[in-house]
C-alpha atoms as a PDB file:
ATOM      1  CA  MET A   1      64.309  11.616   5.164  1.00  0.00           C
ATOM      2  CA  SER A   2      68.632  12.661   5.267  1.00  0.00           C
ATOM      3  CA  ALA A   3      70.319  15.169   4.832  1.00  0.00           C
ATOM      4  CA  GLN A   4      69.389  16.945   1.761  1.00  0.00           C
ATOM      5  CA  LEU A   5      70.440  19.671  -1.155  1.00  0.00           C
ATOM      6  CA  ALA A   6      70.317  22.926  -0.031  1.00  0.00           C
ATOM      7  CA  CYS A   7      72.134  25.239  -2.132  1.00  0.00           C
ATOM      8  CA  LEU A   8      76.099  25.611  -3.685  1.00  0.00           C
ATOM      9  CA  ALA A   9      78.424  26.317  -1.358  1.00  0.00           C
ATOM     10  CA  SER A  10      78.855  29.469  -3.506  1.00  0.00           C
ATOM     11  CA  ASP A  11      75.565  30.771  -2.887  1.00  0.00           C
ATOM     12  CA  VAL A  12      76.165  31.551  -0.065  1.00  0.00           C
ATOM     13  CA  PRO A  13      78.193  34.799   0.710  1.00  0.00           C
ATOM     14  CA  VAL A  14      80.993  35.114   3.448  1.00  0.00           C
ATOM     15  CA  ALA A  15      79.499  36.638   6.671  1.00  0.00           C
ATOM     16  CA  GLY A  16      76.509  36.488   4.491  1.00  0.00           C
ATOM     17  CA  THR A  17      73.022  34.479   4.306  1.00  0.00           C
ATOM     18  CA  LEU A  18      70.424  32.043   2.139  1.00  0.00           C
ATOM     19  CA  ARG A  19      67.633  31.147   2.731  1.00  0.00           C
ATOM     20  CA  VAL A  20      66.325  27.913   1.587  1.00  0.00           C
ATOM     21  CA  GLU A  21      62.865  25.691   2.087  1.00  0.00           C
ATOM     22  CA  LEU A  22      63.496  22.050   2.595  1.00  0.00           C
ATOM     23  CA  GLU A  23      61.527  19.184   3.221  1.00  0.00           C
ATOM     24  CA  ALA A  24      61.247  17.496   6.672  1.00  0.00           C
ATOM     25  CA  GLU A  25      59.336  14.514   8.018  1.00  0.00           C
ATOM     26  CA  THR A  26      56.667  17.154   9.528  1.00  0.00           C
ATOM     27  CA  GLY A  27      56.389  19.490   6.401  1.00  0.00           C
ATOM     28  CA  THR A  28      58.539  21.987   5.209  1.00  0.00           C
ATOM     29  CA  VAL A  29      61.146  23.624   7.134  1.00  0.00           C
ATOM     30  CA  GLU A  30      62.765  27.763   6.461  1.00  0.00           C
ATOM     31  CA  VAL A  31      66.478  27.453   6.399  1.00  0.00           C
ATOM     32  CA  ALA A  32      69.204  30.382   6.780  1.00  0.00           C
ATOM     33  CA  VAL A  33      72.201  28.574   5.214  1.00  0.00           C
ATOM     34  CA  VAL A  34      75.367  31.341   6.602  1.00  0.00           C
ATOM     35  CA  ARG A  35      78.658  31.469   6.114  1.00  0.00           C
ATOM     36  CA  ASP A  36      80.151  33.146   9.351  1.00  0.00           C
ATOM     37  CA  GLU A  37      83.149  35.344   8.888  1.00  0.00           C
ATOM     38  CA  ASP A  38      85.763  32.599   8.686  1.00  0.00           C
ATOM     39  CA  GLY A  39      84.715  31.093   6.006  1.00  0.00           C
ATOM     40  CA  GLU A  40      82.577  28.093   7.448  1.00  0.00           C
ATOM     41  CA  LEU A  41      79.189  26.734   6.348  1.00  0.00           C
ATOM     42  CA  HIS A  42      76.003  27.073   8.731  1.00  0.00           C
ATOM     43  CA  ALA A  43      72.396  25.751   8.687  1.00  0.00           C
ATOM     44  CA  ILE A  44      69.561  27.145  11.768  1.00  0.00           C
ATOM     45  CA  SER A  45      66.385  27.737  11.777  1.00  0.00           C
ATOM     46  CA  ASP A  46      65.256  31.015   9.565  1.00  0.00           C
ATOM     47  CA  ILE A  47      62.928  31.854  12.196  1.00  0.00           C
ATOM     48  CA  CYS A  48      63.814  33.791  15.067  1.00  0.00           C
ATOM     49  CA  SER A  49      62.544  32.445  18.166  1.00  0.00           C
ATOM     50  CA  HIS A  50      61.499  35.779  19.487  1.00  0.00           C
ATOM     51  CA  GLY A  51      60.101  37.951  16.787  1.00  0.00           C
ATOM     52  CA  ALA A  52      59.490  35.200  14.357  1.00  0.00           C
ATOM     53  CA  VAL A  53      60.715  37.338  11.609  1.00  0.00           C
ATOM     54  CA  SER A  54      63.660  35.870   8.908  1.00  0.00           C
ATOM     55  CA  LEU A  55      67.181  35.539  10.385  1.00  0.00           C
ATOM     56  CA  SER A  56      68.332  35.084   6.928  1.00  0.00           C
ATOM     57  CA  ASP A  57      67.778  38.998   6.408  1.00  0.00           C
ATOM     58  CA  GLY A  58      70.366  40.120   9.227  1.00  0.00           C
ATOM     59  CA  GLU A  59      73.774  40.529   9.719  1.00  0.00           C
ATOM     60  CA  VAL A  60      75.956  37.988  10.589  1.00  0.00           C
ATOM     61  CA  GLU A  61      79.374  38.963  12.569  1.00  0.00           C
ATOM     62  CA  GLY A  62      82.216  36.109  13.689  1.00  0.00           C
ATOM     63  CA  CYS A  63      79.620  33.074  14.367  1.00  0.00           C
ATOM     64  CA  THR A  64      76.726  34.692  14.901  1.00  0.00           C
ATOM     65  CA  VAL A  65      73.407  36.545  13.336  1.00  0.00           C
ATOM     66  CA  GLU A  66      71.463  39.182  14.846  1.00  0.00           C
ATOM     67  CA  CYS A  67      67.740  39.521  13.624  1.00  0.00           C
ATOM     68  CA  TRP A  68      67.002  42.533  11.819  1.00  0.00           C
ATOM     69  CA  LEU A  69      63.645  43.266  14.045  1.00  0.00           C
ATOM     70  CA  HIS A  70      64.798  43.327  17.593  1.00  0.00           C
ATOM     71  CA  GLY A  71      68.751  42.815  17.547  1.00  0.00           C
ATOM     72  CA  SER A  72      68.737  39.607  19.367  1.00  0.00           C
ATOM     73  CA  ARG A  73      71.731  37.804  18.529  1.00  0.00           C
ATOM     74  CA  PHE A  74      71.858  34.056  17.716  1.00  0.00           C
ATOM     75  CA  ASP A  75      75.201  31.254  18.121  1.00  0.00           C
ATOM     76  CA  LEU A  76      75.306  29.583  14.466  1.00  0.00           C
ATOM     77  CA  ARG A  77      76.976  26.413  16.374  1.00  0.00           C
ATOM     78  CA  THR A  78      74.163  26.241  19.276  1.00  0.00           C
ATOM     79  CA  GLY A  79      71.237  28.375  18.085  1.00  0.00           C
ATOM     80  CA  LYS A  80      71.302  29.748  21.385  1.00  0.00           C
ATOM     81  CA  PRO A  81      70.683  33.232  22.175  1.00  0.00           C
ATOM     82  CA  LEU A  82      73.445  35.468  23.492  1.00  0.00           C
ATOM     83  CA  SER A  83      71.063  38.973  23.563  1.00  0.00           C
ATOM     84  CA  PRO A  84      67.709  39.757  24.254  1.00  0.00           C
ATOM     85  CA  PRO A  85      64.740  40.023  23.530  1.00  0.00           C
ATOM     86  CA  ALA A  86      65.311  36.600  22.715  1.00  0.00           C
ATOM     87  CA  VAL A  87      65.383  33.752  24.984  1.00  0.00           C
ATOM     88  CA  ARG A  88      64.841  30.475  23.397  1.00  0.00           C
ATOM     89  CA  PRO A  89      67.182  28.604  21.375  1.00  0.00           C
ATOM     90  CA  VAL A  90      66.625  28.247  17.132  1.00  0.00           C
ATOM     91  CA  PRO A  91      67.207  24.796  15.625  1.00  0.00           C
ATOM     92  CA  VAL A  92      70.773  24.260  14.393  1.00  0.00           C
ATOM     93  CA  TYR A  93      70.933  21.696  11.513  1.00  0.00           C
ATOM     94  CA  PRO A  94      74.051  19.017  10.625  1.00  0.00           C
ATOM     95  CA  VAL A  95      75.552  20.184   7.029  1.00  0.00           C
ATOM     96  CA  THR A  96      77.895  18.676   5.519  1.00  0.00           C
ATOM     97  CA  VAL A  97      79.925  20.130   2.324  1.00  0.00           C
ATOM     98  CA  ASP A  98      80.494  17.787  -0.957  1.00  0.00           C
ATOM     99  CA  GLY A  99      82.210  19.266  -3.271  1.00  0.00           C
ATOM    100  CA  GLU A 100      80.403  22.307  -4.022  1.00  0.00           C
ATOM    101  CA  ARG A 101      77.089  20.527  -2.802  1.00  0.00           C
ATOM    102  CA  VAL A 102      75.720  22.138   0.509  1.00  0.00           C
ATOM    103  CA  LEU A 103      73.719  19.245   1.969  1.00  0.00           C
ATOM    104  CA  VAL A 104      71.835  19.692   5.499  1.00  0.00           C
ATOM    105  CA  ASP A 105      69.746  17.278   7.745  1.00  0.00           C
ATOM    106  CA  VAL A 106      66.329  19.582   8.650  1.00  0.00           C
ATOM    107  CA  ASP A 107      65.506  16.014  10.220  1.00  0.00           C
ATOM    108  CA  ALA A 108      68.386  15.524  12.503  1.00  0.00           C
ATOM    109  CA  PRO A 109      68.398  19.156  14.651  1.00  0.00           C
ATOM    110  CA  LEU A 110      72.018  19.535  16.394  1.00  0.00           C
END
């Protein structure tokens, strides 16, 4: 599988998130499409590696998203946790913007 339509760019607010479900070779993948404070779009697993809750319900600050349950922050570019209690990274997926269309490849995590 390759990049697929996740949403329209206008669906994702600045410093905000949008939860989408995409089909991968291994099944359905929950993805948070995130627009950072600079307006850049990112795609990251929607599931926190610590608490198994939705990251798309968290707050965006700079180029990070904070898990709403326990406060772990994840770098949107690498998926690495920047604060405890999370210690494991979350998958980050390639994003291509084609006009208004946001394409995400969940089969090729970065």
